[in-house]
Protein backbone atom coordinates (compact mmCIF):
# COMPACT_ATOMS: atom_id res chain seq x y z
CA UNK A 1 0.00 0.00 0.00
CA UNK A 2 0.87 3.67 -0.07
CA UNK A 3 0.80 6.15 2.77
CA UNK A 4 1.34 9.91 2.69
CA UNK A 5 2.37 9.85 6.35
CA UNK A 6 4.87 6.97 6.51
CA UNK A 7 8.54 7.81 6.98
CA UNK A 8 10.36 4.63 6.01
CA UNK A 9 13.98 5.66 5.43
CA UNK A 10 16.54 8.29 6.38
CA UNK A 11 17.74 9.07 2.86
CA UNK A 12 17.22 12.48 1.27
CA UNK A 13 17.25 13.79 -2.28
CA UNK A 14 16.18 11.66 -5.23
CA UNK A 15 17.47 8.65 -7.11
CA UNK A 16 16.87 10.58 -10.36
CA UNK A 17 18.24 14.15 -10.08
CA UNK A 18 16.61 15.13 -13.40
CA UNK A 19 13.18 14.96 -11.71
CA UNK A 20 11.78 17.42 -9.17
CA UNK A 21 10.65 15.05 -6.45
CA UNK A 22 11.85 13.48 -3.22
CA UNK A 23 12.54 9.90 -2.24
CA UNK A 24 9.26 8.24 -1.28
CA UNK A 25 9.21 7.50 2.44
CA UNK A 26 11.67 10.26 3.31
CA UNK A 27 11.11 12.90 5.97
CA UNK A 28 11.27 15.55 3.22
CA UNK A 29 8.52 13.76 1.28
CA UNK A 30 6.34 13.56 4.40
CA UNK A 31 6.64 17.34 4.88
CA UNK A 32 5.87 17.99 1.21
CA UNK A 33 2.84 15.67 1.39
CA UNK A 34 1.62 17.27 4.63
CA UNK A 35 1.88 20.74 3.09
CA UNK A 36 -0.04 19.61 -0.01
CA UNK A 37 -2.94 18.10 1.97
CA UNK A 38 -5.47 20.18 3.85
CA UNK A 39 -5.55 19.88 7.63
CA UNK A 40 -2.88 18.64 9.99
CA UNK A 41 -1.05 15.41 9.24
CA UNK A 42 0.72 13.04 11.62
CA UNK A 43 3.88 11.14 10.75
CA UNK A 44 4.30 7.41 11.23
CA UNK A 45 7.95 6.34 11.46
CA UNK A 46 8.87 2.87 10.20
CA UNK A 47 12.65 3.26 10.07
CA UNK A 48 14.60 0.33 11.51
CA UNK A 49 17.37 0.90 14.03
CA UNK A 50 18.58 4.27 15.30
CA UNK A 51 16.90 7.11 13.42
CA UNK A 52 19.36 9.74 12.21
CA UNK A 53 18.37 12.10 9.41
CA UNK A 54 20.97 14.09 7.50
CA UNK A 55 19.11 16.29 4.99
CA UNK A 56 21.05 17.31 1.89
CA UNK A 57 19.49 20.79 2.13
CA UNK A 58 17.18 22.70 4.44
CA UNK A 59 13.86 20.92 4.93
CA UNK A 60 10.73 22.81 3.86
CA UNK A 61 8.78 24.68 6.52
CA UNK A 62 5.62 22.96 7.74
CA UNK A 63 2.68 25.09 6.67
CA UNK A 64 -0.05 23.67 8.95
CA UNK A 65 0.25 24.24 12.70
CA UNK A 66 -1.51 20.91 13.40
CA UNK A 67 1.00 18.74 11.51
CA UNK A 68 2.97 16.49 13.87
CA UNK A 69 6.38 14.89 13.37
CA UNK A 70 6.69 12.44 16.24
CA UNK A 71 9.49 9.86 16.13
CA UNK A 72 8.23 8.33 19.39
CA UNK A 73 5.63 6.53 17.25
CA UNK A 74 8.47 4.39 15.86
CA UNK A 75 8.24 0.76 16.94
CA UNK A 76 10.85 0.00 19.59
CA UNK A 77 11.37 3.66 20.54
PDB file of N, CA and C in Angstrom:
ATOM      1  N   UNK A   1       0.810  -1.168   0.000  1.00  0.00           N
ATOM      2  CA  UNK A   1       0.000   0.000   0.000  1.00  0.00           C
ATOM      3  C   UNK A   1       0.868   1.252   0.000  1.00  0.00           C
ATOM      4  N   UNK A   2       0.200   2.381  -0.024  1.00  0.00           N
ATOM      5  CA  UNK A   2       0.867   3.671  -0.066  1.00  0.00           C
ATOM      6  C   UNK A   2       0.317   4.532   1.061  1.00  0.00           C
ATOM      7  N   UNK A   3       1.201   5.261   1.693  1.00  0.00           N
ATOM      8  CA  UNK A   3       0.797   6.153   2.771  1.00  0.00           C
ATOM      9  C   UNK A   3       1.502   7.492   2.618  1.00  0.00           C
ATOM     10  N   UNK A   4       0.745   8.568   2.739  1.00  0.00           N
ATOM     11  CA  UNK A   4       1.340   9.906   2.695  1.00  0.00           C
ATOM     12  C   UNK A   4       2.076  10.241   3.989  1.00  0.00           C
ATOM     13  N   UNK A   5       1.808   9.492   5.049  1.00  0.00           N
ATOM     14  CA  UNK A   5       2.365   9.850   6.348  1.00  0.00           C
ATOM     15  C   UNK A   5       3.509   8.949   6.812  1.00  0.00           C
ATOM     16  N   UNK A   6       3.812   7.893   6.090  1.00  0.00           N
ATOM     17  CA  UNK A   6       4.866   6.966   6.514  1.00  0.00           C
ATOM     18  C   UNK A   6       6.256   7.502   6.181  1.00  0.00           C
ATOM     19  N   UNK A   7       7.118   7.493   7.173  1.00  0.00           N
ATOM     20  CA  UNK A   7       8.536   7.810   6.979  1.00  0.00           C
ATOM     21  C   UNK A   7       9.258   6.478   7.123  1.00  0.00           C
ATOM     22  N   UNK A   8       9.821   5.982   6.026  1.00  0.00           N
ATOM     23  CA  UNK A   8      10.360   4.626   6.011  1.00  0.00           C
ATOM     24  C   UNK A   8      11.865   4.551   5.804  1.00  0.00           C
ATOM     25  N   UNK A   9      12.522   5.684   5.580  1.00  0.00           N
ATOM     26  CA  UNK A   9      13.979   5.663   5.429  1.00  0.00           C
ATOM     27  C   UNK A   9      14.562   7.017   5.787  1.00  0.00           C
ATOM     28  N   UNK A  10      15.862   7.062   5.971  1.00  0.00           N
ATOM     29  CA  UNK A  10      16.537   8.292   6.381  1.00  0.00           C
ATOM     30  C   UNK A  10      17.212   9.004   5.210  1.00  0.00           C
ATOM     31  N   UNK A  11      17.100   8.445   4.017  1.00  0.00           N
ATOM     32  CA  UNK A  11      17.745   9.072   2.858  1.00  0.00           C
ATOM     33  C   UNK A  11      17.050  10.382   2.493  1.00  0.00           C
ATOM     34  N   UNK A  12      17.756  11.209   1.728  1.00  0.00           N
ATOM     35  CA  UNK A  12      17.215  12.482   1.270  1.00  0.00           C
ATOM     36  C   UNK A  12      17.599  12.656  -0.189  1.00  0.00           C
ATOM     37  N   UNK A  13      16.938  13.557  -0.874  1.00  0.00           N
ATOM     38  CA  UNK A  13      17.245  13.789  -2.279  1.00  0.00           C
ATOM     39  C   UNK A  13      16.369  12.942  -3.168  1.00  0.00           C
ATOM     40  N   UNK A  14      16.929  12.484  -4.291  1.00  0.00           N
ATOM     41  CA  UNK A  14      16.181  11.660  -5.232  1.00  0.00           C
ATOM     42  C   UNK A  14      17.139  10.750  -5.971  1.00  0.00           C
ATOM     43  N   UNK A  15      16.663   9.581  -6.326  1.00  0.00           N
ATOM     44  CA  UNK A  15      17.473   8.650  -7.111  1.00  0.00           C
ATOM     45  C   UNK A  15      17.669   9.146  -8.537  1.00  0.00           C
ATOM     46  N   UNK A  16      16.792  10.034  -9.011  1.00  0.00           N
ATOM     47  CA  UNK A  16      16.868  10.584 -10.362  1.00  0.00           C
ATOM     48  C   UNK A  16      16.921  12.106 -10.264  1.00  0.00           C
ATOM     49  N   UNK A  17      18.111  12.701 -10.271  1.00  0.00           N
ATOM     50  CA  UNK A  17      18.238  14.150 -10.080  1.00  0.00           C
ATOM     51  C   UNK A  17      17.634  14.991 -11.207  1.00  0.00           C
ATOM     52  N   UNK A  18      17.230  14.366 -12.311  1.00  0.00           N
ATOM     53  CA  UNK A  18      16.613  15.128 -13.402  1.00  0.00           C
ATOM     54  C   UNK A  18      15.137  15.416 -13.109  1.00  0.00           C
ATOM     55  N   UNK A  19      14.582  14.782 -12.071  1.00  0.00           N
ATOM     56  CA  UNK A  19      13.178  14.962 -11.714  1.00  0.00           C
ATOM     57  C   UNK A  19      13.063  15.814 -10.458  1.00  0.00           C
ATOM     58  N   UNK A  20      12.009  16.604 -10.367  1.00  0.00           N
ATOM     59  CA  UNK A  20      11.785  17.420  -9.167  1.00  0.00           C
ATOM     60  C   UNK A  20      10.832  16.664  -8.240  1.00  0.00           C
ATOM     61  N   UNK A  21      11.422  15.843  -7.411  1.00  0.00           N
ATOM     62  CA  UNK A  21      10.648  15.052  -6.455  1.00  0.00           C
ATOM     63  C   UNK A  21      11.586  14.614  -5.340  1.00  0.00           C
ATOM     64  N   UNK A  22      11.041  13.986  -4.329  1.00  0.00           N
ATOM     65  CA  UNK A  22      11.845  13.482  -3.219  1.00  0.00           C
ATOM     66  C   UNK A  22      11.704  11.972  -3.148  1.00  0.00           C
ATOM     67  N   UNK A  23      12.610  11.347  -2.435  1.00  0.00           N
ATOM     68  CA  UNK A  23      12.540   9.897  -2.239  1.00  0.00           C
ATOM     69  C   UNK A  23      11.271   9.569  -1.465  1.00  0.00           C
ATOM     70  N   UNK A  24      10.469   8.663  -1.986  1.00  0.00           N
ATOM     71  CA  UNK A  24       9.265   8.238  -1.276  1.00  0.00           C
ATOM     72  C   UNK A  24       9.653   7.643   0.063  1.00  0.00           C
ATOM     73  N   UNK A  25       8.930   7.995   1.098  1.00  0.00           N
ATOM     74  CA  UNK A  25       9.212   7.496   2.437  1.00  0.00           C
ATOM     75  C   UNK A  25      10.215   8.328   3.205  1.00  0.00           C
ATOM     76  N   UNK A  26      10.702   9.418   2.607  1.00  0.00           N
ATOM     77  CA  UNK A  26      11.672  10.264   3.305  1.00  0.00           C
ATOM     78  C   UNK A  26      10.945  11.299   4.170  1.00  0.00           C
ATOM     79  N   UNK A  27      11.671  11.842   5.136  1.00  0.00           N
ATOM     80  CA  UNK A  27      11.108  12.904   5.971  1.00  0.00           C
ATOM     81  C   UNK A  27      10.728  14.103   5.105  1.00  0.00           C
ATOM     82  N   UNK A  28      11.567  14.441   4.130  1.00  0.00           N
ATOM     83  CA  UNK A  28      11.268  15.551   3.224  1.00  0.00           C
ATOM     84  C   UNK A  28       9.946  15.302   2.480  1.00  0.00           C
ATOM     85  N   UNK A  29       9.749  14.071   2.004  1.00  0.00           N
ATOM     86  CA  UNK A  29       8.517  13.762   1.280  1.00  0.00           C
ATOM     87  C   UNK A  29       7.307  13.848   2.193  1.00  0.00           C
ATOM     88  N   UNK A  30       7.449  13.419   3.460  1.00  0.00           N
ATOM     89  CA  UNK A  30       6.341  13.562   4.399  1.00  0.00           C
ATOM     90  C   UNK A  30       5.945  15.028   4.546  1.00  0.00           C
ATOM     91  N   UNK A  31       6.935  15.909   4.717  1.00  0.00           N
ATOM     92  CA  UNK A  31       6.639  17.337   4.885  1.00  0.00           C
ATOM     93  C   UNK A  31       5.976  17.899   3.620  1.00  0.00           C
ATOM     94  N   UNK A  32       6.480  17.529   2.457  1.00  0.00           N
ATOM     95  CA  UNK A  32       5.869  17.993   1.206  1.00  0.00           C
ATOM     96  C   UNK A  32       4.434  17.487   1.085  1.00  0.00           C
ATOM     97  N   UNK A  33       4.200  16.226   1.439  1.00  0.00           N
ATOM     98  CA  UNK A  33       2.843  15.672   1.388  1.00  0.00           C
ATOM     99  C   UNK A  33       1.931  16.393   2.377  1.00  0.00           C
ATOM    100  N   UNK A  34       2.421  16.602   3.604  1.00  0.00           N
ATOM    101  CA  UNK A  34       1.622  17.271   4.631  1.00  0.00           C
ATOM    102  C   UNK A  34       1.243  18.685   4.188  1.00  0.00           C
ATOM    103  N   UNK A  35       2.168  19.384   3.551  1.00  0.00           N
ATOM    104  CA  UNK A  35       1.883  20.744   3.087  1.00  0.00           C
ATOM    105  C   UNK A  35       0.893  20.743   1.926  1.00  0.00           C
ATOM    106  N   UNK A  36       0.854  19.677   1.143  1.00  0.00           N
ATOM    107  CA  UNK A  36      -0.043  19.608  -0.012  1.00  0.00           C
ATOM    108  C   UNK A  36      -1.466  19.205   0.376  1.00  0.00           C
ATOM    109  N   UNK A  37      -1.621  18.558   1.522  1.00  0.00           N
ATOM    110  CA  UNK A  37      -2.936  18.100   1.971  1.00  0.00           C
ATOM    111  C   UNK A  37      -3.533  19.108   2.947  1.00  0.00           C
ATOM    112  N   UNK A  38      -4.833  19.251   2.925  1.00  0.00           N
ATOM    113  CA  UNK A  38      -5.472  20.183   3.852  1.00  0.00           C
ATOM    114  C   UNK A  38      -5.589  19.538   5.234  1.00  0.00           C
ATOM    115  N   UNK A  39      -5.476  20.356   6.257  1.00  0.00           N
ATOM    116  CA  UNK A  39      -5.555  19.875   7.632  1.00  0.00           C
ATOM    117  C   UNK A  39      -4.226  19.332   8.108  1.00  0.00           C
ATOM    118  N   UNK A  40      -4.112  19.160   9.407  1.00  0.00           N
ATOM    119  CA  UNK A  40      -2.881  18.644   9.991  1.00  0.00           C
ATOM    120  C   UNK A  40      -2.669  17.179   9.658  1.00  0.00           C
ATOM    121  N   UNK A  41      -1.426  16.794   9.511  1.00  0.00           N
ATOM    122  CA  UNK A  41      -1.050  15.410   9.238  1.00  0.00           C
ATOM    123  C   UNK A  41      -0.166  14.923  10.378  1.00  0.00           C
ATOM    124  N   UNK A  42      -0.099  13.616  10.563  1.00  0.00           N
ATOM    125  CA  UNK A  42       0.725  13.041  11.622  1.00  0.00           C
ATOM    126  C   UNK A  42       1.632  11.978  11.018  1.00  0.00           C
ATOM    127  N   UNK A  43       2.918  12.084  11.308  1.00  0.00           N
ATOM    128  CA  UNK A  43       3.883  11.144  10.751  1.00  0.00           C
ATOM    129  C   UNK A  43       3.797   9.787  11.437  1.00  0.00           C
ATOM    130  N   UNK A  44       4.173   8.756  10.700  1.00  0.00           N
ATOM    131  CA  UNK A  44       4.304   7.411  11.230  1.00  0.00           C
ATOM    132  C   UNK A  44       5.679   6.929  10.811  1.00  0.00           C
ATOM    133  N   UNK A  45       6.583   6.742  11.776  1.00  0.00           N
ATOM    134  CA  UNK A  45       7.948   6.336  11.461  1.00  0.00           C
ATOM    135  C   UNK A  45       8.056   4.819  11.437  1.00  0.00           C
ATOM    136  N   UNK A  46       8.621   4.309  10.363  1.00  0.00           N
ATOM    137  CA  UNK A  46       8.867   2.873  10.198  1.00  0.00           C
ATOM    138  C   UNK A  46      10.310   2.680   9.729  1.00  0.00           C
ATOM    139  N   UNK A  47      11.231   3.316  10.421  1.00  0.00           N
ATOM    140  CA  UNK A  47      12.647   3.265  10.067  1.00  0.00           C
ATOM    141  C   UNK A  47      13.331   2.327  11.054  1.00  0.00           C
ATOM    142  N   UNK A  48      13.962   1.252  10.575  1.00  0.00           N
ATOM    143  CA  UNK A  48      14.604   0.325  11.508  1.00  0.00           C
ATOM    144  C   UNK A  48      15.863   0.915  12.138  1.00  0.00           C
ATOM    145  N   UNK A  49      16.140   0.488  13.361  1.00  0.00           N
ATOM    146  CA  UNK A  49      17.373   0.904  14.027  1.00  0.00           C
ATOM    147  C   UNK A  49      17.340   2.348  14.467  1.00  0.00           C
ATOM    148  N   UNK A  50      18.500   2.859  14.891  1.00  0.00           N
ATOM    149  CA  UNK A  50      18.582   4.266  15.298  1.00  0.00           C
ATOM    150  C   UNK A  50      18.177   5.185  14.147  1.00  0.00           C
ATOM    151  N   UNK A  51      17.397   6.199  14.456  1.00  0.00           N
ATOM    152  CA  UNK A  51      16.900   7.105  13.417  1.00  0.00           C
ATOM    153  C   UNK A  51      17.722   8.382  13.406  1.00  0.00           C
ATOM    154  N   UNK A  52      18.554   8.542  12.387  1.00  0.00           N
ATOM    155  CA  UNK A  52      19.362   9.744  12.209  1.00  0.00           C
ATOM    156  C   UNK A  52      19.116  10.257  10.805  1.00  0.00           C
ATOM    157  N   UNK A  53      18.629  11.482  10.708  1.00  0.00           N
ATOM    158  CA  UNK A  53      18.366  12.100   9.412  1.00  0.00           C
ATOM    159  C   UNK A  53      19.445  13.129   9.124  1.00  0.00           C
ATOM    160  N   UNK A  54      19.977  13.105   7.922  1.00  0.00           N
ATOM    161  CA  UNK A  54      20.969  14.087   7.496  1.00  0.00           C
ATOM    162  C   UNK A  54      20.508  14.683   6.167  1.00  0.00           C
ATOM    163  N   UNK A  55      19.618  15.686   6.216  1.00  0.00           N
ATOM    164  CA  UNK A  55      19.107  16.290   4.986  1.00  0.00           C
ATOM    165  C   UNK A  55      20.235  16.871   4.132  1.00  0.00           C
ATOM    166  N   UNK A  56      20.068  16.761   2.823  1.00  0.00           N
ATOM    167  CA  UNK A  56      21.047  17.311   1.891  1.00  0.00           C
ATOM    168  C   UNK A  56      20.913  18.818   1.763  1.00  0.00           C
ATOM    169  N   UNK A  57      19.740  19.346   2.140  1.00  0.00           N
ATOM    170  CA  UNK A  57      19.494  20.785   2.134  1.00  0.00           C
ATOM    171  C   UNK A  57      18.429  21.057   3.200  1.00  0.00           C
ATOM    172  N   UNK A  58      18.166  22.333   3.431  1.00  0.00           N
ATOM    173  CA  UNK A  58      17.175  22.705   4.436  1.00  0.00           C
ATOM    174  C   UNK A  58      15.825  22.077   4.101  1.00  0.00           C
ATOM    175  N   UNK A  59      15.184  21.510   5.118  1.00  0.00           N
ATOM    176  CA  UNK A  59      13.860  20.925   4.928  1.00  0.00           C
ATOM    177  C   UNK A  59      12.837  22.047   4.754  1.00  0.00           C
ATOM    178  N   UNK A  60      11.761  21.783   4.014  1.00  0.00           N
ATOM    179  CA  UNK A  60      10.734  22.813   3.856  1.00  0.00           C
ATOM    180  C   UNK A  60      10.037  23.101   5.188  1.00  0.00           C
ATOM    181  N   UNK A  61       9.551  24.320   5.325  1.00  0.00           N
ATOM    182  CA  UNK A  61       8.779  24.680   6.516  1.00  0.00           C
ATOM    183  C   UNK A  61       7.452  23.934   6.481  1.00  0.00           C
ATOM    184  N   UNK A  62       6.932  23.597   7.642  1.00  0.00           N
ATOM    185  CA  UNK A  62       5.619  22.960   7.735  1.00  0.00           C
ATOM    186  C   UNK A  62       4.582  24.066   7.749  1.00  0.00           C
ATOM    187  N   UNK A  63       3.617  23.986   6.838  1.00  0.00           N
ATOM    188  CA  UNK A  63       2.677  25.091   6.666  1.00  0.00           C
ATOM    189  C   UNK A  63       1.408  24.979   7.518  1.00  0.00           C
ATOM    190  N   UNK A  64       1.155  23.838   8.137  1.00  0.00           N
ATOM    191  CA  UNK A  64      -0.049  23.672   8.947  1.00  0.00           C
ATOM    192  C   UNK A  64       0.363  23.478  10.402  1.00  0.00           C
ATOM    193  N   UNK A  65      -0.158  24.298  11.294  1.00  0.00           N
ATOM    194  CA  UNK A  65       0.247  24.239  12.704  1.00  0.00           C
ATOM    195  C   UNK A  65      -0.166  22.940  13.392  1.00  0.00           C
ATOM    196  N   UNK A  66      -1.055  22.159  12.783  1.00  0.00           N
ATOM    197  CA  UNK A  66      -1.512  20.914  13.402  1.00  0.00           C
ATOM    198  C   UNK A  66      -0.783  19.685  12.869  1.00  0.00           C
ATOM    199  N   UNK A  67       0.200  19.874  12.001  1.00  0.00           N
ATOM    200  CA  UNK A  67       0.997  18.744  11.513  1.00  0.00           C
ATOM    201  C   UNK A  67       1.991  18.332  12.596  1.00  0.00           C
ATOM    202  N   UNK A  68       2.129  17.022  12.800  1.00  0.00           N
ATOM    203  CA  UNK A  68       2.965  16.490  13.870  1.00  0.00           C
ATOM    204  C   UNK A  68       4.029  15.558  13.294  1.00  0.00           C
ATOM    205  N   UNK A  69       5.279  15.812  13.659  1.00  0.00           N
ATOM    206  CA  UNK A  69       6.377  14.892  13.369  1.00  0.00           C
ATOM    207  C   UNK A  69       6.793  14.329  14.708  1.00  0.00           C
ATOM    208  N   UNK A  70       6.499  13.050  14.921  1.00  0.00           N
ATOM    209  CA  UNK A  70       6.693  12.441  16.239  1.00  0.00           C
ATOM    210  C   UNK A  70       7.395  11.102  16.091  1.00  0.00           C
ATOM    211  N   UNK A  71       8.708  11.090  16.283  1.00  0.00           N
ATOM    212  CA  UNK A  71       9.488   9.863  16.126  1.00  0.00           C
ATOM    213  C   UNK A  71       9.186   8.853  17.230  1.00  0.00           C
ATOM    214  N   UNK A  72       8.545   9.274  18.327  1.00  0.00           N
ATOM    215  CA  UNK A  72       8.226   8.327  19.386  1.00  0.00           C
ATOM    216  C   UNK A  72       7.206   7.297  18.931  1.00  0.00           C
ATOM    217  N   UNK A  73       6.579   7.510  17.788  1.00  0.00           N
ATOM    218  CA  UNK A  73       5.632   6.530  17.248  1.00  0.00           C
ATOM    219  C   UNK A  73       6.355   5.402  16.543  1.00  0.00           C
ATOM    220  N   UNK A  74       7.667   5.451  16.472  1.00  0.00           N
ATOM    221  CA  UNK A  74       8.468   4.385  15.862  1.00  0.00           C
ATOM    222  C   UNK A  74       8.441   3.155  16.761  1.00  0.00           C
ATOM    223  N   UNK A  75       8.217   2.002  16.173  1.00  0.00           N
ATOM    224  CA  UNK A  75       8.240   0.756  16.942  1.00  0.00           C
ATOM    225  C   UNK A  75       9.603   0.588  17.612  1.00  0.00           C
ATOM    226  N   UNK A  76       9.613   0.219  18.873  1.00  0.00           N
ATOM    227  CA  UNK A  76      10.853  -0.001  19.588  1.00  0.00           C
ATOM    228  C   UNK A  76      11.513   1.264  20.127  1.00  0.00           C
ATOM    229  N   UNK A  77      10.808   2.405  20.037  1.00  0.00           N
ATOM    230  CA  UNK A  77      11.368   3.657  20.539  1.00  0.00           C
ATOM    231  C   UNK A  77      11.621   3.566  22.013  1.00  0.00           C
TER     232      UNK A  77
END
